[in-house]
Amino acid sequence: MIDQLDLKQLRVFVRVVETGSFSAAARSLGMSQSAVSQLVRQLEDGLRVRLLDRTTRRLQLSKVGADFMPGIQRLLADLDRQLQDLRDLREHRRGHVTVACVPSVALRLMPRVLAAFQREHPMVAVTLKEISRHQIFAALRGGDVDLGIANVPGDDPELDASRLLVDNFALVMRRDHPLAARDAVSWAEASKAGLVVMASGTGIRLEIERGVADLGQGMPIHEAEHPATLLALVEAGVGVAPLPSLAWPEASHPVLTWRKLVEPVIERELYLIWRIGRDLSPAARALQRGILSGAQEIRERTVSG
C-alpha cells in the first residue's frame, strides 16, 4: 500500500533512473544489486503500478514512471533542503534571534557582541530592539523576543535572569566645562550645573531616582529618551548628563569627557533575561553565550583598568 512506502525506496528508485541501471545504482549506493532491485519492486508493489520497463538490453521509465519521476525528485530535493536547514539550525549555522535591550546596551555592549557573533555565525540574523525595560519584560512574556537585557528584572515568575555586569554613573560634560577640572563631582554640584537626564520611566532614570531623592534641586531639567541624544545635548552646551559607563562617550572624544559622580555613588546592575519555559533555539543559545562572554570581557577590562 502507498502508506507503506519509505524514503529509501524512493531514493533508490531515483538513483536507478539517474544511473540508468540497477548495477550502477547499486555501486553508487554501496548496496547489492539484488537489494536495489528488491526495493524498486517493493515501491512498484506499494503503488500498484510499473515504474520501469525492463528488457534484457535496456532499462527505461514507463509512462507512469515518467510522470512520477519529476514530482518525486522535487519532493526529495525539498526534503533534503529542509533536513539541511534543520542541521544548520541545530548547529546554529543559520537562524534568527531577536534581542530587546535598553538603549545604552545597544550603544556599547551589543556592537561588540554582534561583531564577534557574526564571525562565528555569519548565517544567523539578529534583530536588535531598543525599547524601555517595561516593554522588554512585556515582549519577553509575550514571546516576541528571545532575549532581553535590562536593569532591575524584579521578581516576575515568568522570567529568569543572569547578571551581566555592574556599571557606575559619571557626569558627562564638555571638556571646557568648569567641572572638568575636578576628579569627581557630587550629585548636588551636578544638579546646580544644569542637568540633561534620561526621561522618567527609563531604566537609567529609575536608578538615579533610587539614589538621589531631590534630582535637580529645583533647577530646570531637560529630558531625552536615548543616551545618544543626551550626548548630543551635552556637546551642544545644553547641560551635563549623568550616565552609566556603557553610555559614556569614547575616551578619545574631542569634545566630551566625564567625571565620577559621588555623594552618593550610584551603580546599575544589568541582567540578561529570558522567559521561563521557552525553548531557545540553538542560534539564540549561541547568542546568549556570546552576550555573557562579552559582558565578562567588559568586567575584566574594567577591573584591569
Protein backbone atom coordinates (compact mmCIF):
# COMPACT_ATOMS: atom_id res chain seq x y z
CA MET A 1 0.00 0.00 0.00
CA ILE A 2 1.04 3.63 -0.53
CA ASP A 3 1.31 4.26 3.21
CA GLN A 4 3.97 1.53 3.36
CA LEU A 5 6.38 3.43 1.10
CA ASP A 6 9.59 4.72 2.62
CA LEU A 7 12.26 7.22 1.67
CA LYS A 8 14.82 4.54 0.96
CA GLN A 9 12.65 3.07 -1.77
CA LEU A 10 12.15 6.48 -3.35
CA ARG A 11 15.84 7.39 -3.22
CA VAL A 12 16.89 4.04 -4.69
CA PHE A 13 14.35 4.37 -7.49
CA VAL A 14 15.62 7.86 -8.39
CA ARG A 15 19.23 6.66 -8.33
CA VAL A 16 18.39 3.74 -10.67
CA VAL A 17 16.83 6.15 -13.14
CA GLU A 18 19.69 8.64 -12.84
CA THR A 19 22.41 6.00 -13.35
CA GLY A 20 20.50 4.02 -15.98
CA SER A 21 20.90 0.56 -14.43
CA PHE A 22 20.45 -1.45 -11.27
CA SER A 23 24.12 -2.37 -11.16
CA ALA A 24 25.34 1.23 -11.45
CA ALA A 25 22.84 2.37 -8.82
CA ALA A 26 23.95 -0.44 -6.51
CA ARG A 27 27.62 0.58 -6.82
CA SER A 28 26.88 4.25 -6.13
CA LEU A 29 24.74 3.40 -3.12
CA GLY A 30 27.06 0.74 -1.72
CA MET A 31 24.34 -1.90 -1.92
CA SER A 32 23.94 -5.22 -3.66
CA GLN A 33 22.17 -5.25 -7.00
CA SER A 34 19.55 -7.65 -5.65
CA ALA A 35 18.77 -5.32 -2.74
CA VAL A 36 18.34 -2.38 -5.15
CA SER A 37 16.08 -4.43 -7.40
CA GLN A 38 14.03 -5.58 -4.43
CA LEU A 39 13.48 -2.02 -3.13
CA VAL A 40 12.30 -0.82 -6.55
CA ARG A 41 9.96 -3.80 -6.80
CA GLN A 42 8.56 -3.02 -3.34
CA LEU A 43 7.94 0.56 -4.44
CA GLU A 44 6.07 -0.61 -7.53
CA ASP A 45 4.07 -3.10 -5.50
CA GLY A 46 3.13 -0.43 -3.00
CA LEU A 47 1.98 1.92 -5.75
CA ARG A 48 0.46 -0.95 -7.74
CA VAL A 49 1.99 0.38 -10.96
CA ARG A 50 5.03 -0.43 -13.08
CA LEU A 51 7.53 2.41 -12.95
CA LEU A 52 10.29 0.85 -15.06
CA ASP A 53 10.17 -1.07 -18.32
CA ARG A 54 12.79 -3.79 -18.08
CA THR A 55 14.25 -5.64 -21.04
CA THR A 56 17.38 -7.67 -21.39
CA ARG A 57 19.06 -4.82 -23.22
CA ARG A 58 17.81 -1.62 -21.63
CA LEU A 59 16.05 -0.07 -18.65
CA GLN A 60 13.71 2.87 -19.07
CA LEU A 61 10.87 4.64 -17.36
CA SER A 62 7.34 3.52 -18.08
CA LYS A 63 4.83 6.20 -18.97
CA VAL A 64 3.59 6.25 -15.37
CA GLY A 65 7.20 6.31 -14.14
CA ALA A 66 8.00 9.25 -16.42
CA ASP A 67 5.07 11.19 -14.93
CA PHE A 68 6.04 10.14 -11.39
CA MET A 69 9.78 10.91 -11.60
CA PRO A 70 9.81 14.77 -11.66
CA GLY A 71 7.48 15.03 -8.67
CA ILE A 72 9.47 12.59 -6.57
CA GLN A 73 12.71 14.38 -7.45
CA ARG A 74 11.21 17.67 -6.25
CA LEU A 75 9.91 16.02 -3.10
CA LEU A 76 13.29 14.54 -2.22
CA ALA A 77 15.12 17.78 -3.06
CA ASP A 78 12.74 19.76 -0.83
CA LEU A 79 13.15 17.23 1.95
CA ASP A 80 16.94 17.37 1.68
CA ARG A 81 16.83 21.16 1.91
CA GLN A 82 14.59 21.01 4.96
CA LEU A 83 16.86 18.47 6.65
CA GLN A 84 19.89 20.62 5.86
CA ASP A 85 18.12 23.65 7.31
CA LEU A 86 17.38 21.63 10.43
CA ARG A 87 21.02 20.60 10.73
CA ASP A 88 22.07 24.22 10.23
CA LEU A 89 19.68 25.31 12.97
CA ARG A 90 20.91 22.57 15.28
CA GLU A 91 24.49 23.63 14.70
CA HIS A 92 23.40 27.33 14.79
CA ARG A 93 24.82 27.97 11.32
CA ARG A 94 21.50 29.57 10.38
CA GLY A 95 18.60 31.10 12.21
CA HIS A 96 17.14 34.34 13.51
CA VAL A 97 17.35 35.78 17.02
CA THR A 98 15.52 38.81 18.41
CA VAL A 99 17.06 40.69 21.33
CA ALA A 100 15.43 43.57 23.19
CA CYS A 101 17.64 45.84 25.25
CA VAL A 102 17.77 49.25 26.84
CA PRO A 103 19.38 51.88 24.57
CA SER A 104 22.68 52.18 26.47
CA VAL A 105 23.29 48.45 25.98
CA ALA A 106 22.60 48.79 22.26
CA LEU A 107 25.05 51.68 22.16
CA ARG A 108 28.09 49.94 23.66
CA LEU A 109 27.70 46.26 24.59
CA MET A 110 25.78 44.80 21.66
CA PRO A 111 28.00 46.11 18.83
CA ARG A 112 30.97 44.27 20.38
CA VAL A 113 28.92 41.14 20.99
CA LEU A 114 27.42 41.04 17.49
CA ALA A 115 30.76 41.67 15.78
CA ALA A 116 32.19 38.55 17.46
CA PHE A 117 28.96 36.57 16.97
CA GLN A 118 28.85 37.35 13.25
CA ARG A 119 32.34 35.99 12.76
CA GLU A 120 31.31 32.67 14.32
CA HIS A 121 27.76 32.51 12.93
CA PRO A 122 27.61 34.51 9.67
CA MET A 123 24.27 32.98 8.58
CA VAL A 124 22.37 33.88 11.76
CA ALA A 125 20.36 37.11 11.53
CA VAL A 126 19.84 39.20 14.65
CA THR A 127 17.13 41.80 15.23
CA LEU A 128 18.02 44.32 17.94
CA LYS A 129 15.15 46.24 19.51
CA GLU A 130 15.94 49.31 21.63
CA ILE A 131 12.99 49.70 23.99
CA SER A 132 12.28 50.53 27.63
CA ARG A 133 12.68 47.98 30.40
CA HIS A 134 8.89 47.65 30.84
CA GLN A 135 8.50 46.99 27.12
CA ILE A 136 11.30 44.42 27.29
CA PHE A 137 9.54 42.47 30.03
CA ALA A 138 6.25 42.56 28.11
CA ALA A 139 7.95 41.40 24.90
CA LEU A 140 9.62 38.51 26.71
CA ARG A 141 6.38 37.40 28.34
CA GLY A 142 4.57 37.63 25.01
CA GLY A 143 7.22 35.61 23.18
CA ASP A 144 8.01 38.48 20.81
CA VAL A 145 11.73 38.41 21.62
CA ASP A 146 14.14 35.64 22.55
CA LEU A 147 16.37 37.53 24.96
CA GLY A 148 16.25 40.80 26.87
CA ILE A 149 18.84 42.98 28.56
CA ALA A 150 17.74 45.44 31.21
CA ASN A 151 18.24 46.53 34.78
CA VAL A 152 16.05 45.68 37.77
CA PRO A 153 14.41 42.46 36.49
CA GLY A 154 12.21 42.19 39.59
CA ASP A 155 10.50 39.01 40.75
CA ASP A 156 8.45 38.18 37.66
CA PRO A 157 7.55 34.46 37.92
CA GLU A 158 7.59 34.13 34.12
CA LEU A 159 11.15 35.41 33.67
CA ASP A 160 14.62 34.18 34.58
CA ALA A 161 17.77 36.28 34.57
CA SER A 162 21.54 36.16 34.84
CA ARG A 163 23.51 39.19 35.99
CA LEU A 164 25.72 40.57 33.24
CA LEU A 165 27.66 43.46 34.74
CA VAL A 166 27.58 46.48 37.01
CA ASP A 167 28.37 49.92 35.68
CA ASN A 168 28.87 53.17 37.57
CA PHE A 169 27.39 56.59 36.94
CA ALA A 170 29.54 59.51 35.92
CA LEU A 171 28.78 63.05 34.82
CA VAL A 172 29.32 63.61 31.11
CA MET A 173 30.31 67.16 30.20
CA ARG A 174 32.22 69.21 27.66
CA ARG A 175 35.98 69.26 28.09
CA ASP A 176 35.82 73.04 28.54
CA HIS A 177 33.23 72.83 31.33
CA PRO A 178 34.44 74.15 34.73
CA LEU A 179 33.67 70.80 36.40
CA ALA A 180 36.10 69.07 34.04
CA ALA A 181 38.92 70.36 36.25
CA ARG A 182 37.65 68.13 39.08
CA ASP A 183 38.47 64.45 39.70
CA ALA A 184 34.95 63.78 40.97
CA VAL A 185 31.66 65.65 41.17
CA SER A 186 28.90 65.33 43.76
CA TRP A 187 25.29 64.95 42.67
CA ALA A 188 24.49 68.26 44.35
CA GLU A 189 27.16 70.02 42.29
CA ALA A 190 25.95 68.30 39.13
CA SER A 191 22.38 69.43 39.77
CA LYS A 192 23.46 73.05 40.10
CA ALA A 193 25.34 72.80 36.78
CA GLY A 194 22.12 72.12 34.87
CA LEU A 195 21.17 68.51 34.14
CA VAL A 196 20.03 66.79 30.99
CA VAL A 197 18.75 63.37 32.03
CA MET A 198 17.01 60.27 30.73
CA ALA A 199 13.23 60.56 30.67
CA SER A 200 11.03 59.35 33.52
CA GLY A 201 10.28 55.63 33.28
CA THR A 202 13.59 54.68 31.69
CA GLY A 203 15.89 52.26 33.49
CA ILE A 204 18.67 54.83 33.87
CA ARG A 205 16.29 57.39 35.37
CA LEU A 206 14.95 54.77 37.77
CA GLU A 207 18.45 54.07 39.09
CA ILE A 208 19.12 57.79 39.55
CA GLU A 209 15.86 58.36 41.42
CA ARG A 210 16.62 55.40 43.70
CA GLY A 211 19.90 57.03 44.73
CA VAL A 212 19.10 60.74 44.65
CA ALA A 213 15.99 61.96 46.43
CA ASP A 214 15.83 65.52 45.06
CA LEU A 215 17.09 65.35 41.48
CA GLY A 216 17.86 68.83 40.17
CA GLN A 217 17.19 70.61 43.50
CA GLY A 218 14.69 72.92 41.88
CA MET A 219 16.81 73.58 38.78
CA PRO A 220 15.23 73.05 35.32
CA ILE A 221 15.87 69.56 33.93
CA HIS A 222 15.93 68.67 30.25
CA GLU A 223 14.96 65.11 29.36
CA ALA A 224 15.50 62.71 26.44
CA GLU A 225 14.75 59.03 25.84
CA HIS A 226 18.05 57.95 24.31
CA PRO A 227 21.62 58.29 25.67
CA ALA A 228 22.90 59.38 22.26
CA THR A 229 20.50 62.34 22.40
CA LEU A 230 21.82 63.32 25.82
CA LEU A 231 25.39 63.22 24.48
CA ALA A 232 24.39 65.49 21.61
CA LEU A 233 22.72 67.91 24.03
CA VAL A 234 25.81 67.99 26.24
CA GLU A 235 28.06 68.54 23.25
CA ALA A 236 25.85 71.47 22.22
CA GLY A 237 26.32 73.02 25.68
CA VAL A 238 22.76 72.48 26.93
CA GLY A 239 23.89 70.90 30.20
CA VAL A 240 25.66 67.98 31.84
CA ALA A 241 24.37 64.38 31.82
CA PRO A 242 24.59 61.65 34.49
CA LEU A 243 25.02 58.37 32.60
CA PRO A 244 26.19 54.80 33.37
CA SER A 245 29.51 53.68 31.90
CA LEU A 246 28.04 51.89 28.86
CA ALA A 247 26.64 55.23 27.70
CA TRP A 248 29.77 57.31 28.18
CA PRO A 249 31.46 58.81 25.12
CA GLU A 250 34.70 57.30 23.91
CA ALA A 251 37.76 58.42 25.87
CA SER A 252 39.15 59.90 22.66
CA HIS A 253 36.07 62.06 22.03
CA PRO A 254 37.33 65.52 21.03
CA VAL A 255 34.60 67.47 22.86
CA LEU A 256 33.17 65.33 25.64
CA THR A 257 34.62 63.83 28.82
CA TRP A 258 33.25 62.56 32.14
CA ARG A 259 33.97 62.68 35.86
CA LYS A 260 32.98 60.27 38.63
CA LEU A 261 29.73 61.04 40.43
CA VAL A 262 29.89 60.74 44.22
CA GLU A 263 27.81 61.50 47.28
CA PRO A 264 26.25 59.09 46.58
CA VAL A 265 27.96 56.59 44.27
CA ILE A 266 25.22 55.02 42.13
CA GLU A 267 25.59 51.73 40.30
CA ARG A 268 23.41 49.97 37.75
CA GLU A 269 23.12 46.19 37.52
CA LEU A 270 22.32 44.81 34.07
CA TYR A 271 20.75 41.39 33.54
CA LEU A 272 20.32 39.02 30.61
CA ILE A 273 16.68 37.91 30.77
CA TRP A 274 14.63 35.17 29.10
CA ARG A 275 11.20 33.63 29.56
CA ILE A 276 10.99 30.57 31.78
CA GLY A 277 9.83 27.50 29.86
CA ARG A 278 10.68 28.90 26.45
CA ASP A 279 12.90 26.54 24.47
CA LEU A 280 15.55 28.81 22.99
CA SER A 281 16.71 27.91 19.50
CA PRO A 282 20.34 26.81 19.05
CA ALA A 283 21.09 30.21 17.49
CA ALA A 284 19.53 32.03 20.45
CA ARG A 285 21.52 29.89 22.90
CA ALA A 286 24.69 30.69 20.98
CA LEU A 287 23.95 34.42 21.18
CA GLN A 288 23.10 34.05 24.86
CA ARG A 289 26.59 32.64 25.42
CA GLY A 290 28.06 35.44 23.30
CA ILE A 291 26.36 38.13 25.38
CA LEU A 292 27.57 36.57 28.62
CA SER A 293 31.09 36.34 27.20
CA GLY A 294 31.01 39.96 26.01
CA ALA A 295 29.89 41.16 29.42
CA GLN A 296 32.68 39.14 31.04
CA GLU A 297 35.25 40.87 28.82
CA ILE A 298 33.90 44.26 29.86
CA ARG A 299 34.07 43.30 33.54
CA GLU A 300 37.66 42.10 33.18
CA ARG A 301 38.66 45.23 31.29
CA THR A 302 37.07 47.40 33.99
CA VAL A 303 38.95 45.57 36.75
CA SER A 304 42.29 45.71 34.93
CA GLY A 305 41.73 49.37 34.09
